[in-house]
Amino acid sequence: MKITRIWFDGEYLYGLGDNGKTYRQSLLWYPGLMQANEAEREDYTMSVVGIHWRTLDVDVSFESFEYEDAEPTKLQRFFLLHKEINVSEFARLVGINATLLRNYINGFKKPSKERENQILCQIHKLSEEYAQVVF
């Protein structure tokens, strides 16, 4: 499948496939595109395998439009939106391997419900600690 046309809305990159089907991907996967202005987004080239934004140093493969995880899970969305969280240190707090947590965030692995709850509990604990800060 090849993408023949692309467009954006607030949160998504859309692509029209040569099969006539419309695909979409969350811009959370592509922070450079998410933060880009319209002119930067329009400055791309298409190759045999994908789309390239040279000035943004962003590549999107045609294949990625067909991935099942075009929309991040709630866990992925949290970490993709909160880049201020040091994943390595957060993983240490949870008691899991940092590479494993990165794999969960990037969609290479899927956490069990138990592991997901463990991560969520640590997020809640951290938010309670932040809420108690007084200056």
N, C-alpha and C. Protein backbone atom coordinates (compact mmCIF):
# COMPACT_ATOMS: atom_id res chain seq x y z
N MET A 1 0.84 -1.17 0.00
CA MET A 1 0.00 0.00 0.00
C MET A 1 0.89 1.24 0.00
N LYS A 2 0.48 2.22 -0.77
CA LYS A 2 1.20 3.49 -0.83
C LYS A 2 0.23 4.62 -0.52
N ILE A 3 0.69 5.61 0.22
CA ILE A 3 -0.10 6.80 0.52
C ILE A 3 0.07 7.77 -0.64
N THR A 4 -1.05 8.28 -1.16
CA THR A 4 -0.99 9.17 -2.30
C THR A 4 -1.23 10.64 -1.94
N ARG A 5 -1.83 10.87 -0.76
CA ARG A 5 -2.10 12.24 -0.32
C ARG A 5 -2.15 12.25 1.20
N ILE A 6 -1.66 13.34 1.81
CA ILE A 6 -1.71 13.47 3.27
C ILE A 6 -2.35 14.80 3.66
N TRP A 7 -2.88 14.86 4.88
CA TRP A 7 -3.39 16.09 5.47
C TRP A 7 -3.41 15.93 6.98
N PHE A 8 -3.60 17.04 7.66
CA PHE A 8 -3.54 17.08 9.12
C PHE A 8 -4.81 17.69 9.69
N ASP A 9 -5.11 17.31 10.93
CA ASP A 9 -6.04 18.08 11.75
C ASP A 9 -5.32 18.27 13.08
N GLY A 10 -5.99 18.70 14.10
CA GLY A 10 -5.34 19.01 15.36
C GLY A 10 -4.47 17.92 15.95
N GLU A 11 -4.92 16.67 15.88
CA GLU A 11 -4.21 15.59 16.55
C GLU A 11 -3.73 14.46 15.65
N TYR A 12 -4.07 14.52 14.37
CA TYR A 12 -3.80 13.37 13.50
C TYR A 12 -3.15 13.75 12.19
N LEU A 13 -2.40 12.79 11.67
CA LEU A 13 -1.90 12.80 10.31
C LEU A 13 -2.76 11.80 9.55
N TYR A 14 -3.36 12.23 8.47
CA TYR A 14 -4.21 11.36 7.65
C TYR A 14 -3.50 11.06 6.35
N GLY A 15 -3.77 9.88 5.82
CA GLY A 15 -3.23 9.52 4.53
C GLY A 15 -4.26 8.78 3.70
N LEU A 16 -4.31 9.12 2.43
CA LEU A 16 -5.19 8.42 1.50
C LEU A 16 -4.36 7.38 0.78
N GLY A 17 -4.74 6.12 0.94
CA GLY A 17 -4.00 5.03 0.33
C GLY A 17 -4.35 4.87 -1.14
N ASP A 18 -3.45 4.24 -1.88
CA ASP A 18 -3.73 3.99 -3.30
C ASP A 18 -4.85 2.98 -3.48
N ASN A 19 -5.31 2.42 -2.38
CA ASN A 19 -6.46 1.50 -2.39
C ASN A 19 -7.77 2.25 -2.14
N GLY A 20 -7.69 3.59 -1.99
CA GLY A 20 -8.87 4.40 -1.75
C GLY A 20 -9.27 4.53 -0.28
N LYS A 21 -8.57 3.84 0.60
CA LYS A 21 -8.88 3.86 2.02
C LYS A 21 -8.16 5.02 2.71
N THR A 22 -8.85 5.66 3.69
CA THR A 22 -8.25 6.72 4.48
C THR A 22 -7.70 6.14 5.78
N TYR A 23 -6.46 6.48 6.09
CA TYR A 23 -5.78 6.02 7.30
C TYR A 23 -5.46 7.24 8.16
N ARG A 24 -5.24 6.99 9.46
CA ARG A 24 -4.80 8.08 10.32
C ARG A 24 -3.84 7.55 11.37
N GLN A 25 -3.00 8.48 11.84
CA GLN A 25 -2.06 8.19 12.91
C GLN A 25 -2.05 9.38 13.86
N SER A 26 -1.91 9.10 15.13
CA SER A 26 -1.83 10.16 16.12
C SER A 26 -0.51 10.90 15.95
N LEU A 27 -0.57 12.22 16.03
CA LEU A 27 0.65 13.02 15.96
C LEU A 27 1.49 12.88 17.22
N LEU A 28 0.95 12.25 18.27
CA LEU A 28 1.76 12.00 19.47
C LEU A 28 2.97 11.13 19.14
N TRP A 29 2.85 10.29 18.11
CA TRP A 29 3.98 9.46 17.70
C TRP A 29 5.06 10.29 17.03
N TYR A 30 4.72 11.49 16.57
CA TYR A 30 5.63 12.33 15.80
C TYR A 30 5.67 13.75 16.39
N PRO A 31 6.37 13.95 17.51
CA PRO A 31 6.38 15.27 18.16
C PRO A 31 6.83 16.40 17.23
N GLY A 32 7.76 16.11 16.33
CA GLY A 32 8.22 17.14 15.40
C GLY A 32 7.11 17.63 14.50
N LEU A 33 6.26 16.72 14.04
CA LEU A 33 5.12 17.10 13.21
C LEU A 33 4.03 17.78 14.04
N MET A 34 3.86 17.30 15.27
CA MET A 34 2.83 17.86 16.13
C MET A 34 3.11 19.34 16.41
N GLN A 35 4.37 19.69 16.61
CA GLN A 35 4.74 21.06 16.96
C GLN A 35 4.99 21.93 15.73
N ALA A 36 5.02 21.33 14.56
CA ALA A 36 5.33 22.08 13.34
C ALA A 36 4.17 22.97 12.91
N ASN A 37 4.52 24.06 12.23
CA ASN A 37 3.48 24.92 11.68
C ASN A 37 3.05 24.37 10.31
N GLU A 38 2.06 25.00 9.73
CA GLU A 38 1.50 24.50 8.47
C GLU A 38 2.53 24.47 7.35
N ALA A 39 3.34 25.51 7.25
CA ALA A 39 4.35 25.56 6.20
C ALA A 39 5.37 24.43 6.36
N GLU A 40 5.79 24.16 7.59
CA GLU A 40 6.74 23.07 7.84
C GLU A 40 6.12 21.72 7.50
N ARG A 41 4.85 21.55 7.82
CA ARG A 41 4.17 20.29 7.52
C ARG A 41 4.00 20.07 6.02
N GLU A 42 3.88 21.16 5.27
CA GLU A 42 3.69 21.06 3.82
C GLU A 42 5.00 20.81 3.07
N ASP A 43 6.12 20.94 3.76
CA ASP A 43 7.43 20.79 3.14
C ASP A 43 7.93 19.35 3.29
N TYR A 44 7.38 18.46 2.50
CA TYR A 44 7.73 17.04 2.58
C TYR A 44 7.96 16.47 1.18
N THR A 45 8.59 15.31 1.16
CA THR A 45 8.74 14.56 -0.08
C THR A 45 8.26 13.14 0.18
N MET A 46 7.74 12.51 -0.87
CA MET A 46 7.33 11.11 -0.79
C MET A 46 8.32 10.26 -1.56
N SER A 47 8.63 9.12 -0.98
CA SER A 47 9.51 8.17 -1.64
C SER A 47 8.72 6.89 -1.90
N VAL A 48 9.41 5.87 -2.27
CA VAL A 48 8.78 4.58 -2.51
C VAL A 48 8.26 3.97 -1.21
N VAL A 49 8.89 4.29 -0.09
CA VAL A 49 8.54 3.65 1.19
C VAL A 49 7.85 4.56 2.20
N GLY A 50 7.88 5.89 1.97
CA GLY A 50 7.26 6.74 2.96
C GLY A 50 7.37 8.22 2.67
N ILE A 51 7.17 9.00 3.72
CA ILE A 51 7.13 10.45 3.64
C ILE A 51 8.27 11.00 4.49
N HIS A 52 8.95 12.03 3.98
CA HIS A 52 10.10 12.59 4.69
C HIS A 52 9.96 14.11 4.77
N TRP A 53 10.14 14.64 6.00
CA TRP A 53 10.20 16.07 6.24
C TRP A 53 11.64 16.39 6.58
N ARG A 54 12.40 16.87 5.60
CA ARG A 54 13.83 17.11 5.77
C ARG A 54 14.11 18.15 6.85
N THR A 55 13.39 19.27 6.82
CA THR A 55 13.67 20.33 7.80
C THR A 55 13.27 19.94 9.21
N LEU A 56 12.34 18.99 9.35
CA LEU A 56 11.91 18.54 10.68
C LEU A 56 12.63 17.26 11.11
N ASP A 57 13.33 16.63 10.17
CA ASP A 57 14.00 15.35 10.40
C ASP A 57 13.00 14.30 10.91
N VAL A 58 11.89 14.19 10.17
CA VAL A 58 10.83 13.24 10.51
C VAL A 58 10.56 12.35 9.31
N ASP A 59 10.43 11.05 9.57
CA ASP A 59 10.08 10.08 8.54
C ASP A 59 8.85 9.30 9.00
N VAL A 60 7.92 9.09 8.09
CA VAL A 60 6.74 8.27 8.36
C VAL A 60 6.64 7.26 7.23
N SER A 61 6.72 5.99 7.57
CA SER A 61 6.63 4.96 6.54
C SER A 61 5.18 4.75 6.13
N PHE A 62 4.98 4.35 4.89
CA PHE A 62 3.62 4.02 4.44
C PHE A 62 3.07 2.86 5.26
N GLU A 63 3.95 1.92 5.58
CA GLU A 63 3.56 0.75 6.37
C GLU A 63 2.95 1.14 7.71
N SER A 64 3.47 2.21 8.32
CA SER A 64 3.00 2.60 9.66
C SER A 64 1.54 3.03 9.67
N PHE A 65 1.01 3.42 8.52
CA PHE A 65 -0.41 3.79 8.46
C PHE A 65 -1.32 2.58 8.68
N GLU A 66 -0.78 1.40 8.49
CA GLU A 66 -1.57 0.18 8.66
C GLU A 66 -1.37 -0.49 10.02
N TYR A 67 -0.52 0.08 10.86
CA TYR A 67 -0.31 -0.49 12.19
C TYR A 67 -1.59 -0.44 13.00
N GLU A 68 -1.77 -1.43 13.86
CA GLU A 68 -2.95 -1.48 14.73
C GLU A 68 -2.93 -0.39 15.78
N ASP A 69 -1.74 0.08 16.16
CA ASP A 69 -1.64 1.05 17.25
C ASP A 69 -1.48 2.49 16.74
N ALA A 70 -2.25 2.85 15.72
CA ALA A 70 -2.19 4.23 15.21
C ALA A 70 -2.60 5.22 16.29
N GLU A 71 -3.40 4.76 17.25
CA GLU A 71 -3.83 5.59 18.37
C GLU A 71 -3.14 5.06 19.63
N PRO A 72 -2.38 5.91 20.33
CA PRO A 72 -1.71 5.44 21.55
C PRO A 72 -2.71 5.00 22.63
N THR A 73 -2.30 4.01 23.41
CA THR A 73 -3.11 3.61 24.56
C THR A 73 -3.08 4.74 25.59
N LYS A 74 -3.88 4.64 26.62
CA LYS A 74 -3.89 5.67 27.66
C LYS A 74 -2.52 5.77 28.34
N LEU A 75 -1.89 4.63 28.57
CA LEU A 75 -0.56 4.62 29.18
C LEU A 75 0.45 5.32 28.26
N GLN A 76 0.44 4.95 26.99
CA GLN A 76 1.36 5.58 26.04
C GLN A 76 1.09 7.07 25.93
N ARG A 77 -0.17 7.44 25.84
CA ARG A 77 -0.57 8.84 25.72
C ARG A 77 -0.02 9.66 26.90
N PHE A 78 -0.13 9.11 28.11
CA PHE A 78 0.36 9.82 29.29
C PHE A 78 1.84 10.16 29.15
N PHE A 79 2.65 9.16 28.83
CA PHE A 79 4.09 9.39 28.75
C PHE A 79 4.48 10.20 27.53
N LEU A 80 3.76 10.05 26.42
CA LEU A 80 4.06 10.85 25.24
C LEU A 80 3.72 12.32 25.45
N LEU A 81 2.71 12.59 26.26
CA LEU A 81 2.34 13.98 26.56
C LEU A 81 3.18 14.59 27.67
N HIS A 82 3.78 13.76 28.50
CA HIS A 82 4.55 14.26 29.64
C HIS A 82 6.02 13.89 29.50
N LYS A 83 6.66 14.52 28.54
CA LYS A 83 8.08 14.28 28.27
C LYS A 83 8.97 14.73 29.43
N GLU A 84 8.39 15.53 30.34
CA GLU A 84 9.18 16.00 31.48
C GLU A 84 9.48 14.88 32.47
N ILE A 85 8.79 13.77 32.34
CA ILE A 85 9.03 12.63 33.24
C ILE A 85 10.22 11.83 32.73
N ASN A 86 11.19 11.67 33.58
CA ASN A 86 12.36 10.87 33.25
C ASN A 86 11.96 9.40 33.33
N VAL A 87 11.90 8.75 32.19
CA VAL A 87 11.40 7.37 32.11
C VAL A 87 12.27 6.43 32.93
N SER A 88 13.57 6.61 32.87
CA SER A 88 14.47 5.73 33.64
C SER A 88 14.20 5.82 35.13
N GLU A 89 14.10 7.04 35.63
CA GLU A 89 13.85 7.22 37.06
C GLU A 89 12.46 6.77 37.46
N PHE A 90 11.49 7.01 36.59
CA PHE A 90 10.13 6.57 36.88
C PHE A 90 10.09 5.04 36.94
N ALA A 91 10.75 4.38 36.00
CA ALA A 91 10.80 2.92 35.99
C ALA A 91 11.43 2.40 37.28
N ARG A 92 12.47 3.08 37.75
CA ARG A 92 13.11 2.68 39.01
C ARG A 92 12.11 2.77 40.16
N LEU A 93 11.31 3.84 40.20
CA LEU A 93 10.29 3.99 41.25
C LEU A 93 9.27 2.85 41.20
N VAL A 94 8.91 2.45 39.99
CA VAL A 94 7.92 1.38 39.83
C VAL A 94 8.53 0.02 40.14
N GLY A 95 9.86 -0.07 39.95
CA GLY A 95 10.53 -1.35 40.18
C GLY A 95 10.58 -2.22 38.94
N ILE A 96 10.60 -1.55 37.76
CA ILE A 96 10.72 -2.32 36.51
C ILE A 96 11.91 -1.79 35.71
N ASN A 97 12.31 -2.55 34.73
CA ASN A 97 13.42 -2.19 33.86
C ASN A 97 13.03 -1.00 32.99
N ALA A 98 13.92 -0.02 32.87
CA ALA A 98 13.63 1.19 32.09
C ALA A 98 13.40 0.87 30.61
N THR A 99 14.16 -0.07 30.08
CA THR A 99 13.97 -0.45 28.67
C THR A 99 12.60 -1.06 28.47
N LEU A 100 12.14 -1.85 29.43
CA LEU A 100 10.81 -2.45 29.34
C LEU A 100 9.74 -1.35 29.33
N LEU A 101 9.87 -0.37 30.21
CA LEU A 101 8.90 0.73 30.23
C LEU A 101 8.92 1.49 28.90
N ARG A 102 10.10 1.74 28.37
CA ARG A 102 10.18 2.41 27.05
C ARG A 102 9.50 1.57 25.97
N ASN A 103 9.66 0.26 26.06
CA ASN A 103 8.99 -0.62 25.09
C ASN A 103 7.48 -0.54 25.22
N TYR A 104 6.97 -0.39 26.43
CA TYR A 104 5.53 -0.20 26.63
C TYR A 104 5.09 1.12 26.01
N ILE A 105 5.85 2.17 26.27
CA ILE A 105 5.50 3.50 25.78
C ILE A 105 5.53 3.54 24.26
N ASN A 106 6.52 2.90 23.65
CA ASN A 106 6.67 2.94 22.20
C ASN A 106 5.87 1.87 21.46
N GLY A 107 5.17 1.04 22.21
CA GLY A 107 4.31 0.04 21.58
C GLY A 107 4.99 -1.23 21.12
N PHE A 108 6.25 -1.43 21.51
CA PHE A 108 6.95 -2.66 21.12
C PHE A 108 6.51 -3.84 21.96
N LYS A 109 6.05 -3.55 23.17
CA LYS A 109 5.53 -4.58 24.08
C LYS A 109 4.26 -4.04 24.72
N LYS A 110 3.41 -4.95 25.17
CA LYS A 110 2.17 -4.57 25.84
C LYS A 110 2.22 -5.06 27.28
N PRO A 111 1.97 -4.14 28.23
CA PRO A 111 2.01 -4.57 29.64
C PRO A 111 0.77 -5.39 30.00
N SER A 112 0.93 -6.27 30.96
CA SER A 112 -0.23 -6.99 31.49
C SER A 112 -1.09 -6.00 32.26
N LYS A 113 -2.32 -6.36 32.55
CA LYS A 113 -3.20 -5.49 33.34
C LYS A 113 -2.56 -5.21 34.71
N GLU A 114 -1.97 -6.23 35.29
CA GLU A 114 -1.31 -6.08 36.60
C GLU A 114 -0.18 -5.06 36.52
N ARG A 115 0.65 -5.15 35.47
CA ARG A 115 1.77 -4.22 35.31
C ARG A 115 1.25 -2.82 35.02
N GLU A 116 0.22 -2.73 34.20
CA GLU A 116 -0.40 -1.43 33.90
C GLU A 116 -0.90 -0.76 35.18
N ASN A 117 -1.55 -1.54 36.05
CA ASN A 117 -2.03 -1.01 37.33
C ASN A 117 -0.88 -0.59 38.23
N GLN A 118 0.20 -1.33 38.20
CA GLN A 118 1.40 -0.99 38.98
C GLN A 118 1.93 0.38 38.54
N ILE A 119 1.99 0.60 37.24
CA ILE A 119 2.46 1.88 36.70
C ILE A 119 1.49 3.00 37.06
N LEU A 120 0.20 2.74 36.92
CA LEU A 120 -0.82 3.73 37.24
C LEU A 120 -0.77 4.13 38.71
N CYS A 121 -0.58 3.16 39.58
CA CYS A 121 -0.47 3.46 41.02
C CYS A 121 0.70 4.40 41.30
N GLN A 122 1.82 4.18 40.61
CA GLN A 122 2.99 5.05 40.81
C GLN A 122 2.71 6.45 40.27
N ILE A 123 1.98 6.55 39.16
CA ILE A 123 1.61 7.87 38.62
C ILE A 123 0.74 8.60 39.65
N HIS A 124 -0.22 7.91 40.23
CA HIS A 124 -1.09 8.52 41.24
C HIS A 124 -0.29 8.94 42.48
N LYS A 125 0.63 8.09 42.90
CA LYS A 125 1.46 8.41 44.06
C LYS A 125 2.29 9.66 43.79
N LEU A 126 2.86 9.73 42.61
CA LEU A 126 3.66 10.89 42.23
C LEU A 126 2.79 12.15 42.18
N SER A 127 1.58 12.04 41.66
CA SER A 127 0.70 13.21 41.59
C SER A 127 0.31 13.69 43.00
N GLU A 128 0.13 12.77 43.91
CA GLU A 128 -0.17 13.15 45.31
C GLU A 128 1.01 13.89 45.93
N GLU A 129 2.21 13.43 45.64
CA GLU A 129 3.42 14.11 46.15
C GLU A 129 3.52 15.52 45.57
N TYR A 130 3.26 15.66 44.27
CA TYR A 130 3.29 16.98 43.64
C TYR A 130 2.24 17.90 44.24
N ALA A 131 1.05 17.36 44.52
CA ALA A 131 -0.03 18.18 45.05
C ALA A 131 0.28 18.72 46.44
N GLN A 132 1.17 18.08 47.16
CA GLN A 132 1.51 18.51 48.52
C GLN A 132 2.61 19.56 48.56
N VAL A 133 3.20 19.88 47.42
CA VAL A 133 4.28 20.86 47.39
C VAL A 133 3.71 22.25 47.64
N VAL A 134 4.34 22.94 48.57
CA VAL A 134 3.93 24.30 48.93
C VAL A 134 5.18 25.18 48.92
N PHE A 135 5.06 26.37 48.38
CA PHE A 135 6.19 27.31 48.36
C PHE A 135 5.87 28.48 49.24
